[in-house]
Each structure stands twice: as structure tokens, then as C-alpha cells.
């Protein structure tokens, strides 16, 4: 339990997200990424953009 308290989840997809899934992820602060054709993750929502901005 203690390990999960400090861990955050994120999700990747190849096909995209349904509008209700994106809305729920936004409310929960879950980063959503879409894998492009080259396999590079692209941020889909604000939490994903914020997480992507922290990489160097």
C-alpha cells in the first residue's frame, strides 16, 4: 500500500480516447498519451502536457 500512495498512473493508447474517458481522466488528473505512428507518446490532456514538460 505504501508504494502506491506515492505512485501516479498514466495511460497510453494507439486508438485514442472516448470523450467521457478524457473528461474523467481530466477530473482525476490522470495523464493520457497517444502513441503516434513512430511510437512516440504525444500528450492528450493537460496532466499529460504538464508531465511531458518535466522531461528533459
PDB file of N, CA and C in Angstrom:
ATOM      1  N   UNK A   1       0.821  -1.197   0.000  1.00  0.00           N
ATOM      2  CA  UNK A   1       0.000   0.000   0.000  1.00  0.00           C
ATOM      3  C   UNK A   1       0.860   1.254   0.000  1.00  0.00           C
ATOM      4  N   UNK A   2       1.921   1.279   0.762  1.00  0.00           N
ATOM      5  CA  UNK A   2       2.725   2.495   0.850  1.00  0.00           C
ATOM      6  C   UNK A   2       3.364   2.847  -0.489  1.00  0.00           C
ATOM      7  N   UNK A   3       3.670   1.842  -1.311  1.00  0.00           N
ATOM      8  CA  UNK A   3       4.276   2.133  -2.611  1.00  0.00           C
ATOM      9  C   UNK A   3       3.277   2.812  -3.541  1.00  0.00           C
ATOM     10  N   UNK A   4       2.019   2.438  -3.461  1.00  0.00           N
ATOM     11  CA  UNK A   4       1.030   3.016  -4.364  1.00  0.00           C
ATOM     12  C   UNK A   4       0.609   4.415  -3.946  1.00  0.00           C
ATOM     13  N   UNK A   5       0.833   4.772  -2.703  1.00  0.00           N
ATOM     14  CA  UNK A   5       0.445   6.101  -2.244  1.00  0.00           C
ATOM     15  C   UNK A   5       1.269   7.193  -2.910  1.00  0.00           C
ATOM     16  N   UNK A   6       2.506   6.895  -3.271  1.00  0.00           N
ATOM     17  CA  UNK A   6       3.345   7.906  -3.894  1.00  0.00           C
ATOM     18  C   UNK A   6       3.444   7.725  -5.406  1.00  0.00           C
ATOM     19  N   UNK A   7       2.828   6.697  -5.940  1.00  0.00           N
ATOM     20  CA  UNK A   7       2.887   6.431  -7.378  1.00  0.00           C
ATOM     21  C   UNK A   7       1.682   7.045  -8.080  1.00  0.00           C
ATOM     22  N   UNK A   8       1.923   7.528  -9.301  1.00  0.00           N
ATOM     23  CA  UNK A   8       0.840   8.053 -10.130  1.00  0.00           C
ATOM     24  C   UNK A   8       0.754   7.221 -11.381  1.00  0.00           C
ATOM     25  N   UNK A   9      -0.445   6.999 -11.842  1.00  0.00           N
ATOM     26  CA  UNK A   9      -0.644   6.243 -13.063  1.00  0.00           C
ATOM     27  C   UNK A   9      -0.706   7.159 -14.272  1.00  0.00           C
ATOM     28  N   UNK A  10      -0.496   6.576 -15.430  1.00  0.00           N
ATOM     29  CA  UNK A  10      -0.719   7.273 -16.690  1.00  0.00           C
ATOM     30  C   UNK A  10      -1.123   6.224 -17.705  1.00  0.00           C
ATOM     31  N   UNK A  11      -1.723   6.661 -18.792  1.00  0.00           N
ATOM     32  CA  UNK A  11      -2.255   5.727 -19.771  1.00  0.00           C
ATOM     33  C   UNK A  11      -1.766   6.074 -21.171  1.00  0.00           C
ATOM     34  N   UNK A  12      -1.515   5.020 -21.946  1.00  0.00           N
ATOM     35  CA  UNK A  12      -1.122   5.139 -23.345  1.00  0.00           C
ATOM     36  C   UNK A  12      -2.141   4.406 -24.199  1.00  0.00           C
ATOM     37  N   UNK A  13      -2.366   4.892 -25.409  1.00  0.00           N
ATOM     38  CA  UNK A  13      -3.248   4.204 -26.341  1.00  0.00           C
ATOM     39  C   UNK A  13      -2.745   4.414 -27.762  1.00  0.00           C
ATOM     40  N   UNK A  14      -3.163   3.536 -28.637  1.00  0.00           N
ATOM     41  CA  UNK A  14      -2.889   3.686 -30.066  1.00  0.00           C
ATOM     42  C   UNK A  14      -4.119   4.227 -30.789  1.00  0.00           C
ATOM     43  N   UNK A  15      -5.307   3.982 -30.225  1.00  0.00           N
ATOM     44  CA  UNK A  15      -6.557   4.276 -30.916  1.00  0.00           C
ATOM     45  C   UNK A  15      -7.243   5.561 -30.488  1.00  0.00           C
ATOM     46  N   UNK A  16      -6.820   6.178 -29.404  1.00  0.00           N
ATOM     47  CA  UNK A  16      -7.477   7.385 -28.925  1.00  0.00           C
ATOM     48  C   UNK A  16      -8.382   7.084 -27.744  1.00  0.00           C
ATOM     49  N   UNK A  17      -9.007   8.117 -27.211  1.00  0.00           N
ATOM     50  CA  UNK A  17      -9.845   8.006 -26.021  1.00  0.00           C
ATOM     51  C   UNK A  17     -11.240   8.520 -26.329  1.00  0.00           C
ATOM     52  N   UNK A  18     -12.241   7.891 -25.724  1.00  0.00           N
ATOM     53  CA  UNK A  18     -13.616   8.365 -25.822  1.00  0.00           C
ATOM     54  C   UNK A  18     -13.717   9.678 -25.045  1.00  0.00           C
ATOM     55  N   UNK A  19     -14.616  10.569 -25.471  1.00  0.00           N
ATOM     56  CA  UNK A  19     -14.751  11.859 -24.780  1.00  0.00           C
ATOM     57  C   UNK A  19     -15.018  11.720 -23.274  1.00  0.00           C
ATOM     58  N   UNK A  20     -15.837  10.755 -22.879  1.00  0.00           N
ATOM     59  CA  UNK A  20     -16.112  10.603 -21.449  1.00  0.00           C
ATOM     60  C   UNK A  20     -14.879  10.103 -20.692  1.00  0.00           C
ATOM     61  N   UNK A  21     -14.038   9.304 -21.326  1.00  0.00           N
ATOM     62  CA  UNK A  21     -12.806   8.845 -20.690  1.00  0.00           C
ATOM     63  C   UNK A  21     -11.835  10.010 -20.504  1.00  0.00           C
ATOM     64  N   UNK A  22     -11.756  10.869 -21.500  1.00  0.00           N
ATOM     65  CA  UNK A  22     -10.880  12.038 -21.387  1.00  0.00           C
ATOM     66  C   UNK A  22     -11.363  12.979 -20.287  1.00  0.00           C
ATOM     67  N   UNK A  23     -12.676  13.177 -20.215  1.00  0.00           N
ATOM     68  CA  UNK A  23     -13.250  14.043 -19.189  1.00  0.00           C
ATOM     69  C   UNK A  23     -12.963  13.492 -17.795  1.00  0.00           C
ATOM     70  N   UNK A  24     -13.135  12.199 -17.621  1.00  0.00           N
ATOM     71  CA  UNK A  24     -12.883  11.580 -16.309  1.00  0.00           C
ATOM     72  C   UNK A  24     -11.397  11.671 -15.953  1.00  0.00           C
ATOM     73  N   UNK A  25     -10.533  11.406 -16.912  1.00  0.00           N
ATOM     74  CA  UNK A  25      -9.089  11.496 -16.658  1.00  0.00           C
ATOM     75  C   UNK A  25      -8.707  12.926 -16.261  1.00  0.00           C
ATOM     76  N   UNK A  26      -9.297  13.909 -16.926  1.00  0.00           N
ATOM     77  CA  UNK A  26      -9.019  15.307 -16.569  1.00  0.00           C
ATOM     78  C   UNK A  26      -9.438  15.599 -15.131  1.00  0.00           C
ATOM     79  N   UNK A  27     -10.622  15.118 -14.749  1.00  0.00           N
ATOM     80  CA  UNK A  27     -11.100  15.345 -13.381  1.00  0.00           C
ATOM     81  C   UNK A  27     -10.203  14.681 -12.344  1.00  0.00           C
ATOM     82  N   UNK A  28      -9.668  13.514 -12.687  1.00  0.00           N
ATOM     83  CA  UNK A  28      -8.816  12.766 -11.754  1.00  0.00           C
ATOM     84  C   UNK A  28      -7.343  13.135 -11.856  1.00  0.00           C
ATOM     85  N   UNK A  29      -6.995  13.929 -12.864  1.00  0.00           N
ATOM     86  CA  UNK A  29      -5.601  14.322 -13.044  1.00  0.00           C
ATOM     87  C   UNK A  29      -4.724  13.222 -13.617  1.00  0.00           C
ATOM     88  N   UNK A  30      -5.326  12.306 -14.385  1.00  0.00           N
ATOM     89  CA  UNK A  30      -4.587  11.187 -14.968  1.00  0.00           C
ATOM     90  C   UNK A  30      -4.042  11.607 -16.335  1.00  0.00           C
ATOM     91  N   UNK A  31      -2.736  11.528 -16.542  1.00  0.00           N
ATOM     92  CA  UNK A  31      -2.158  11.868 -17.845  1.00  0.00           C
ATOM     93  C   UNK A  31      -2.522  10.822 -18.909  1.00  0.00           C
ATOM     94  N   UNK A  32      -2.961  11.301 -20.055  1.00  0.00           N
ATOM     95  CA  UNK A  32      -3.294  10.434 -21.183  1.00  0.00           C
ATOM     96  C   UNK A  32      -2.355  10.741 -22.342  1.00  0.00           C
ATOM     97  N   UNK A  33      -1.816   9.695 -22.944  1.00  0.00           N
ATOM     98  CA  UNK A  33      -0.912   9.835 -24.080  1.00  0.00           C
ATOM     99  C   UNK A  33      -1.408   8.997 -25.240  1.00  0.00           C
ATOM    100  N   UNK A  34      -1.167   9.487 -26.431  1.00  0.00           N
ATOM    101  CA  UNK A  34      -1.460   8.775 -27.669  1.00  0.00           C
ATOM    102  C   UNK A  34      -0.127   8.441 -28.323  1.00  0.00           C
ATOM    103  N   UNK A  35       0.073   7.163 -28.637  1.00  0.00           N
ATOM    104  CA  UNK A  35       1.303   6.774 -29.325  1.00  0.00           C
ATOM    105  C   UNK A  35       1.138   7.067 -30.811  1.00  0.00           C
ATOM    106  N   UNK A  36       2.051   7.869 -31.369  1.00  0.00           N
ATOM    107  CA  UNK A  36       1.953   8.163 -32.804  1.00  0.00           C
ATOM    108  C   UNK A  36       2.500   6.986 -33.610  1.00  0.00           C
ATOM    109  N   UNK A  37       2.504   7.119 -34.913  1.00  0.00           N
ATOM    110  CA  UNK A  37       2.903   6.013 -35.790  1.00  0.00           C
ATOM    111  C   UNK A  37       4.357   5.596 -35.608  1.00  0.00           C
ATOM    112  N   UNK A  38       5.177   6.468 -35.044  1.00  0.00           N
ATOM    113  CA  UNK A  38       6.573   6.113 -34.797  1.00  0.00           C
ATOM    114  C   UNK A  38       6.780   5.571 -33.380  1.00  0.00           C
ATOM    115  N   UNK A  39       5.703   5.511 -32.592  1.00  0.00           N
ATOM    116  CA  UNK A  39       5.790   5.001 -31.230  1.00  0.00           C
ATOM    117  C   UNK A  39       6.133   6.039 -30.198  1.00  0.00           C
ATOM    118  N   UNK A  40       6.156   7.300 -30.592  1.00  0.00           N
ATOM    119  CA  UNK A  40       6.463   8.383 -29.652  1.00  0.00           C
ATOM    120  C   UNK A  40       5.169   8.842 -28.984  1.00  0.00           C
ATOM    121  N   UNK A  41       5.140   8.874 -27.659  1.00  0.00           N
ATOM    122  CA  UNK A  41       3.928   9.310 -26.968  1.00  0.00           C
ATOM    123  C   UNK A  41       3.690  10.811 -27.135  1.00  0.00           C
ATOM    124  N   UNK A  42       2.451  11.158 -27.431  1.00  0.00           N
ATOM    125  CA  UNK A  42       2.027  12.546 -27.563  1.00  0.00           C
ATOM    126  C   UNK A  42       1.011  12.838 -26.461  1.00  0.00           C
ATOM    127  N   UNK A  43       1.190  13.914 -25.684  1.00  0.00           N
ATOM    128  CA  UNK A  43       0.228  14.230 -24.626  1.00  0.00           C
ATOM    129  C   UNK A  43      -1.135  14.580 -25.206  1.00  0.00           C
ATOM    130  N   UNK A  44      -2.184  14.106 -24.522  1.00  0.00           N
ATOM    131  CA  UNK A  44      -3.558  14.316 -24.991  1.00  0.00           C
ATOM    132  C   UNK A  44      -4.309  15.311 -24.117  1.00  0.00           C
ATOM    133  N   UNK A  45      -3.990  15.344 -22.819  1.00  0.00           N
ATOM    134  CA  UNK A  45      -4.730  16.239 -21.922  1.00  0.00           C
ATOM    135  C   UNK A  45      -3.747  17.078 -21.095  1.00  0.00           C
ATOM    136  N   UNK A  46      -4.284  17.990 -20.309  1.00  0.00           N
ATOM    137  CA  UNK A  46      -3.443  18.916 -19.540  1.00  0.00           C
ATOM    138  C   UNK A  46      -2.491  18.201 -18.575  1.00  0.00           C
ATOM    139  N   UNK A  47      -2.939  17.171 -17.832  1.00  0.00           N
ATOM    140  CA  UNK A  47      -1.977  16.480 -16.968  1.00  0.00           C
ATOM    141  C   UNK A  47      -0.825  15.843 -17.753  1.00  0.00           C
ATOM    142  N   UNK A  48      -1.093  15.362 -18.952  1.00  0.00           N
ATOM    143  CA  UNK A  48      -0.045  14.767 -19.781  1.00  0.00           C
ATOM    144  C   UNK A  48       0.907  15.846 -20.293  1.00  0.00           C
ATOM    145  N   UNK A  49       0.382  16.986 -20.654  1.00  0.00           N
ATOM    146  CA  UNK A  49       1.226  18.101 -21.107  1.00  0.00           C
ATOM    147  C   UNK A  49       2.152  18.534 -19.976  1.00  0.00           C
ATOM    148  N   UNK A  50       1.618  18.624 -18.764  1.00  0.00           N
ATOM    149  CA  UNK A  50       2.426  19.023 -17.611  1.00  0.00           C
ATOM    150  C   UNK A  50       3.514  17.988 -17.339  1.00  0.00           C
ATOM    151  N   UNK A  51       3.185  16.716 -17.427  1.00  0.00           N
ATOM    152  CA  UNK A  51       4.163  15.666 -17.198  1.00  0.00           C
ATOM    153  C   UNK A  51       5.212  15.671 -18.306  1.00  0.00           C
ATOM    154  N   UNK A  52       4.791  15.872 -19.535  1.00  0.00           N
ATOM    155  CA  UNK A  52       5.707  15.912 -20.668  1.00  0.00           C
ATOM    156  C   UNK A  52       6.678  17.089 -20.549  1.00  0.00           C
ATOM    157  N   UNK A  53       6.222  18.184 -19.965  1.00  0.00           N
ATOM    158  CA  UNK A  53       7.070  19.369 -19.810  1.00  0.00           C
ATOM    159  C   UNK A  53       8.198  19.148 -18.797  1.00  0.00           C
ATOM    160  N   UNK A  54       8.056  18.122 -17.949  1.00  0.00           N
ATOM    161  CA  UNK A  54       9.095  17.869 -16.948  1.00  0.00           C
ATOM    162  C   UNK A  54      10.232  17.011 -17.468  1.00  0.00           C
ATOM    163  N   UNK A  55      10.069  16.413 -18.656  1.00  0.00           N
ATOM    164  CA  UNK A  55      11.159  15.588 -19.194  1.00  0.00           C
ATOM    165  C   UNK A  55      12.208  16.483 -19.835  1.00  0.00           C
ATOM    166  N   UNK A  56      13.426  16.008 -19.864  1.00  0.00           N
ATOM    167  CA  UNK A  56      14.487  16.846 -20.420  1.00  0.00           C
ATOM    168  C   UNK A  56      15.022  16.289 -21.706  1.00  0.00           C
TER     169      UNK A  56
END
